Amino acid sequence: MSSDRLVLITGGAGGIGAALAQAFLDAGDRVVLLDREAEALAARAAELGTAHAVVDITDPDSVRAAVAAIAAEHGTPDVLVNNAGLLSLHGPVLGLAPEDYKKILDVNVVGTFTVTQAVAAAMVEAGRPGAVVNISSIGASQPTPGMGGYESSKAAVDAQTRWAAIELAAHGIRVNAVAPGPVLTPMMAMAMPEGSEARSAWTSRIPLAQMAAPEDVAAAAVFVASAAAKHLTGIVIPVDGGQLLG
């Protein structure tokens, strides 16, 4: 199958980014990976056989320049997947430094907005319909102590999804979000090996008794970006094994 769509994926150097890229490639799409980690990005792009562009999503000039260069070389994007996010800063409400909270918001909220704005503007200018998929988190709806900075940023991403969806619908651009629970990336698997107390603590919260694989998240993203979901916009799809049921 070949759709010849152009798909941009931010945070493309990471484990979920790689799974997203492979899923869209398998659907017949062309993929450009974006990330600020130049060396890791180049290695991932070489591994998958995709194009890539170094971009800092917290820098509007970097984003605009990258989108313009991609459009000039590859054509107008058809799909954007906002996968880049900061998950490494945590702390309780009485302990998280305000400057650390601001870093989380700059990447997860403002960065997502900046890329969406630039790519959607290119779609509108070209008169092309398209799809935006934001990678959110079930933490936007279900808090975990110590992770409120990240989780509140994802609640903002969910609101941003609905905001963009209602305004961009007139241009034929659909905007949806995929909200994973804990995802068993290679890094997570190393930090929480099979049989560990930490892994058991997480899986005990999940009715299906296992974390999502990166491919599970990717499958949902491919679906909401596809023609099969042509009447879906402004929704957030949990990929959580039923965790939000608890």
Protein backbone atom coordinates (compact mmCIF):
# COMPACT_ATOMS: atom_id res chain seq x y z
CA MET A 1 0.00 0.00 0.00
CA SER A 2 1.32 3.47 -0.83
CA SER A 3 -0.33 6.71 0.23
CA ASP A 4 2.61 9.01 -0.55
CA ARG A 5 1.68 11.19 2.41
CA LEU A 6 4.45 13.14 4.12
CA VAL A 7 4.50 12.55 7.87
CA LEU A 8 6.54 14.65 10.30
CA ILE A 9 7.31 13.10 13.69
CA THR A 10 8.87 15.15 16.48
CA GLY A 11 10.90 13.39 19.15
CA GLY A 12 11.87 11.02 16.37
CA ALA A 13 15.11 9.79 17.94
CA GLY A 14 13.38 8.03 20.85
CA GLY A 15 11.76 4.64 21.23
CA ILE A 16 8.17 5.78 20.70
CA GLY A 17 9.32 8.00 17.84
CA ALA A 18 10.92 5.00 16.15
CA ALA A 19 7.75 2.92 16.55
CA LEU A 20 5.66 5.76 15.14
CA ALA A 21 7.98 6.10 12.16
CA GLN A 22 7.94 2.38 11.41
CA ALA A 23 4.15 2.23 11.61
CA PHE A 24 3.70 5.11 9.18
CA LEU A 25 6.35 3.65 6.86
CA ASP A 26 4.47 0.33 6.95
CA ALA A 27 1.33 2.26 5.93
CA GLY A 28 3.14 3.47 2.82
CA ASP A 29 3.91 6.99 4.01
CA ARG A 30 7.07 9.05 3.67
CA VAL A 31 8.51 10.07 7.04
CA VAL A 32 10.71 12.90 8.26
CA LEU A 33 11.99 12.56 11.82
CA LEU A 34 12.59 15.70 13.87
CA ASP A 35 14.59 15.95 17.07
CA ARG A 36 17.10 18.27 18.72
CA GLU A 37 19.56 15.45 19.48
CA ALA A 38 21.45 15.52 16.19
CA GLU A 39 23.60 12.41 16.62
CA ALA A 40 20.83 10.17 17.94
CA LEU A 41 18.47 11.50 15.28
CA ALA A 42 20.85 10.76 12.42
CA ALA A 43 21.39 7.24 13.73
CA ARG A 44 17.66 6.58 14.04
CA ALA A 45 16.95 7.98 10.58
CA ALA A 46 19.69 5.80 9.07
CA GLU A 47 18.28 2.76 10.88
CA LEU A 48 14.77 3.37 9.52
CA GLY A 49 15.71 4.80 6.15
CA THR A 50 13.92 8.12 6.66
CA ALA A 51 14.75 11.76 6.14
CA HIS A 52 15.46 13.85 9.22
CA ALA A 53 15.83 17.44 10.38
CA VAL A 54 17.37 18.80 13.56
CA VAL A 55 14.95 21.16 15.30
CA ASP A 56 14.46 22.61 18.78
CA ILE A 57 10.71 22.81 19.31
CA THR A 58 11.19 25.45 22.04
CA ASP A 59 12.71 27.80 19.44
CA PRO A 60 10.08 29.20 17.03
CA ASP A 61 12.73 30.29 14.52
CA SER A 62 14.18 26.76 14.48
CA VAL A 63 10.72 25.29 13.94
CA ARG A 64 9.75 27.67 11.15
CA ALA A 65 13.08 27.17 9.37
CA ALA A 66 12.81 23.38 9.60
CA VAL A 67 9.22 23.28 8.33
CA ALA A 68 10.10 25.57 5.41
CA ALA A 69 13.16 23.49 4.50
CA ILE A 70 11.17 20.24 4.69
CA ALA A 71 8.39 21.67 2.52
CA ALA A 72 10.92 22.87 -0.05
CA GLU A 73 12.65 19.49 -0.24
CA HIS A 74 9.83 17.02 0.34
CA GLY A 75 6.58 18.92 -0.20
CA THR A 76 3.85 20.12 2.14
CA PRO A 77 3.38 17.86 5.18
CA ASP A 78 0.15 15.85 5.30
CA VAL A 79 0.46 14.56 8.87
CA LEU A 80 2.17 15.91 11.97
CA VAL A 81 2.77 13.76 15.04
CA ASN A 82 3.71 15.84 18.07
CA ASN A 83 5.61 13.18 19.97
CA ALA A 84 8.43 15.24 21.52
CA GLY A 85 8.04 15.71 25.25
CA LEU A 86 9.94 16.16 28.49
CA LEU A 87 9.35 13.41 31.05
CA SER A 88 12.57 13.58 33.04
CA LEU A 89 11.66 16.34 35.52
CA HIS A 90 9.48 15.34 38.46
CA GLY A 91 8.68 16.55 41.93
CA PRO A 92 5.88 17.04 44.44
CA VAL A 93 3.76 20.18 44.50
CA LEU A 94 5.76 21.36 47.53
CA GLY A 95 9.11 20.50 45.98
CA LEU A 96 9.13 20.98 42.22
CA ALA A 97 11.17 24.07 41.36
CA PRO A 98 9.16 26.63 39.37
CA GLU A 99 11.95 26.87 36.80
CA ASP A 100 11.74 23.09 36.27
CA TYR A 101 7.98 23.32 35.84
CA LYS A 102 8.51 26.05 33.27
CA LYS A 103 10.92 23.78 31.34
CA ILE A 104 8.24 21.09 31.19
CA LEU A 105 5.65 23.55 29.92
CA ASP A 106 8.06 25.08 27.38
CA VAL A 107 8.62 21.68 25.74
CA ASN A 108 5.34 19.86 26.21
CA VAL A 109 2.86 22.71 25.79
CA VAL A 110 4.50 25.65 24.01
CA GLY A 111 6.66 23.36 21.87
CA THR A 112 3.65 21.34 20.74
CA PHE A 113 1.79 24.55 19.94
CA THR A 114 4.74 26.03 18.03
CA VAL A 115 5.13 23.01 15.76
CA THR A 116 1.39 22.66 15.24
CA GLN A 117 1.11 26.31 14.28
CA ALA A 118 3.98 26.15 11.77
CA VAL A 119 2.87 22.90 10.10
CA ALA A 120 -0.82 23.82 10.04
CA ALA A 121 0.08 27.18 8.46
CA ALA A 122 1.97 25.33 5.71
CA MET A 123 -1.03 23.06 5.12
CA VAL A 124 -3.43 26.02 4.95
CA GLU A 125 -1.15 27.99 2.64
CA ALA A 126 -0.93 25.02 0.29
CA GLY A 127 -4.70 24.48 0.47
CA ARG A 128 -4.23 20.90 1.62
CA PRO A 129 -6.21 18.98 4.24
CA GLY A 130 -4.19 17.14 6.85
CA ALA A 131 -4.03 15.54 10.26
CA VAL A 132 -2.29 16.38 13.51
CA VAL A 133 -1.78 13.75 16.21
CA ASN A 134 -0.65 14.86 19.65
CA ILE A 135 0.90 12.30 21.97
CA SER A 136 -0.64 13.05 25.34
CA SER A 137 -0.90 10.90 28.48
CA ILE A 138 -3.62 9.38 30.63
CA GLY A 139 -1.89 11.31 33.42
CA ALA A 140 -3.84 14.31 32.15
CA SER A 141 -6.89 12.62 33.70
CA GLN A 142 -5.41 10.34 36.37
CA PRO A 143 -2.77 11.86 38.67
CA THR A 144 0.27 10.07 40.04
CA PRO A 145 2.01 11.69 43.04
CA GLY A 146 5.23 13.41 42.03
CA MET A 147 4.34 13.57 38.32
CA GLY A 148 1.97 16.53 38.39
CA GLY A 149 4.21 18.84 36.39
CA TYR A 150 4.27 16.45 33.45
CA GLU A 151 0.62 15.48 33.85
CA SER A 152 -0.68 19.03 33.97
CA SER A 153 1.31 19.79 30.81
CA LYS A 154 -0.48 16.92 29.09
CA ALA A 155 -3.85 18.23 30.29
CA ALA A 156 -2.92 21.43 28.48
CA VAL A 157 -2.05 19.38 25.36
CA ASP A 158 -5.52 17.81 25.50
CA ALA A 159 -7.10 21.28 25.65
CA GLN A 160 -4.81 22.44 22.85
CA THR A 161 -5.98 19.45 20.77
CA ARG A 162 -9.60 20.54 21.08
CA TRP A 163 -8.70 24.20 20.43
CA ALA A 164 -6.80 23.39 17.24
CA ALA A 165 -9.45 20.89 16.12
CA ILE A 166 -12.32 23.35 16.20
CA GLU A 167 -10.37 26.15 14.50
CA LEU A 168 -8.63 24.07 11.84
CA ALA A 169 -11.68 22.01 10.84
CA ALA A 170 -12.64 24.68 8.30
CA HIS A 171 -9.36 23.96 6.53
CA GLY A 172 -9.89 20.20 6.48
CA ILE A 173 -7.26 19.64 9.15
CA ARG A 174 -8.19 17.11 11.83
CA VAL A 175 -6.50 17.23 15.25
CA ASN A 176 -6.63 14.34 17.70
CA ALA A 177 -4.56 13.01 20.57
CA VAL A 178 -3.39 9.59 21.67
CA ALA A 179 -2.95 9.23 25.43
CA PRO A 180 -0.80 6.29 26.52
CA GLY A 181 -0.48 4.92 30.00
CA PRO A 182 3.01 3.70 30.91
CA VAL A 183 4.84 2.55 27.77
CA LEU A 184 7.44 -0.21 27.85
CA THR A 185 10.13 1.51 25.82
CA PRO A 186 13.64 0.01 25.83
CA MET A 187 14.64 2.62 28.41
CA MET A 188 11.65 1.77 30.61
CA ALA A 189 12.40 -1.94 30.30
CA MET A 190 15.93 -1.31 31.57
CA ALA A 191 14.71 0.82 34.47
CA MET A 192 11.91 -1.63 35.34
CA PRO A 193 13.02 -5.15 34.40
CA GLU A 194 10.53 -8.02 34.20
CA GLY A 195 9.65 -9.21 37.71
CA SER A 196 10.85 -6.04 39.42
CA GLU A 197 8.83 -4.42 42.18
CA ALA A 198 8.61 -1.21 40.17
CA ARG A 199 7.21 -3.00 37.10
CA SER A 200 4.70 -4.88 39.25
CA ALA A 201 3.56 -1.65 40.89
CA TRP A 202 2.74 -0.14 37.51
CA THR A 203 1.10 -3.20 35.97
CA SER A 204 -1.05 -3.72 39.06
CA ARG A 205 -2.92 -0.56 38.08
CA ILE A 206 -3.70 -1.86 34.58
CA PRO A 207 -6.71 -4.18 34.08
CA LEU A 208 -5.01 -5.86 31.09
CA ALA A 209 -1.98 -6.43 33.37
CA GLN A 210 0.69 -5.18 30.99
CA MET A 211 2.18 -1.89 29.87
CA ALA A 212 1.63 -0.64 26.36
CA ALA A 213 4.27 -1.44 23.77
CA PRO A 214 5.47 1.50 21.66
CA GLU A 215 3.80 -0.22 18.71
CA ASP A 216 0.42 0.02 20.48
CA VAL A 217 0.77 3.78 20.68
CA ALA A 218 1.91 3.94 17.07
CA ALA A 219 -1.06 1.89 15.85
CA ALA A 220 -3.50 4.32 17.45
CA ALA A 221 -1.66 7.30 15.94
CA VAL A 222 -1.72 5.78 12.46
CA PHE A 223 -5.44 5.09 12.81
CA VAL A 224 -6.48 8.62 13.84
CA ALA A 225 -4.32 10.06 11.05
CA SER A 226 -5.87 7.73 8.46
CA ALA A 227 -8.87 8.02 6.13
CA ALA A 228 -10.61 5.44 8.32
CA ALA A 229 -10.88 8.15 10.99
CA LYS A 230 -11.94 10.92 8.59
CA HIS A 231 -14.86 11.99 10.81
CA LEU A 232 -12.89 12.06 14.05
CA THR A 233 -11.44 15.30 15.35
CA GLY A 234 -10.86 16.82 18.77
CA ILE A 235 -10.78 13.50 20.62
CA VAL A 236 -8.27 11.93 22.99
CA ILE A 237 -7.87 8.15 22.70
CA PRO A 238 -6.45 6.35 25.77
CA VAL A 239 -4.00 3.53 25.05
CA ASP A 240 -3.80 2.32 28.62
CA GLY A 241 -4.98 -1.28 28.95
CA GLY A 242 -8.02 0.01 30.86
CA GLN A 243 -6.10 1.94 33.52
CA LEU A 244 -8.53 4.86 33.43
CA LEU A 245 -11.30 2.44 34.42
CA GLY A 246 -9.83 2.25 37.91
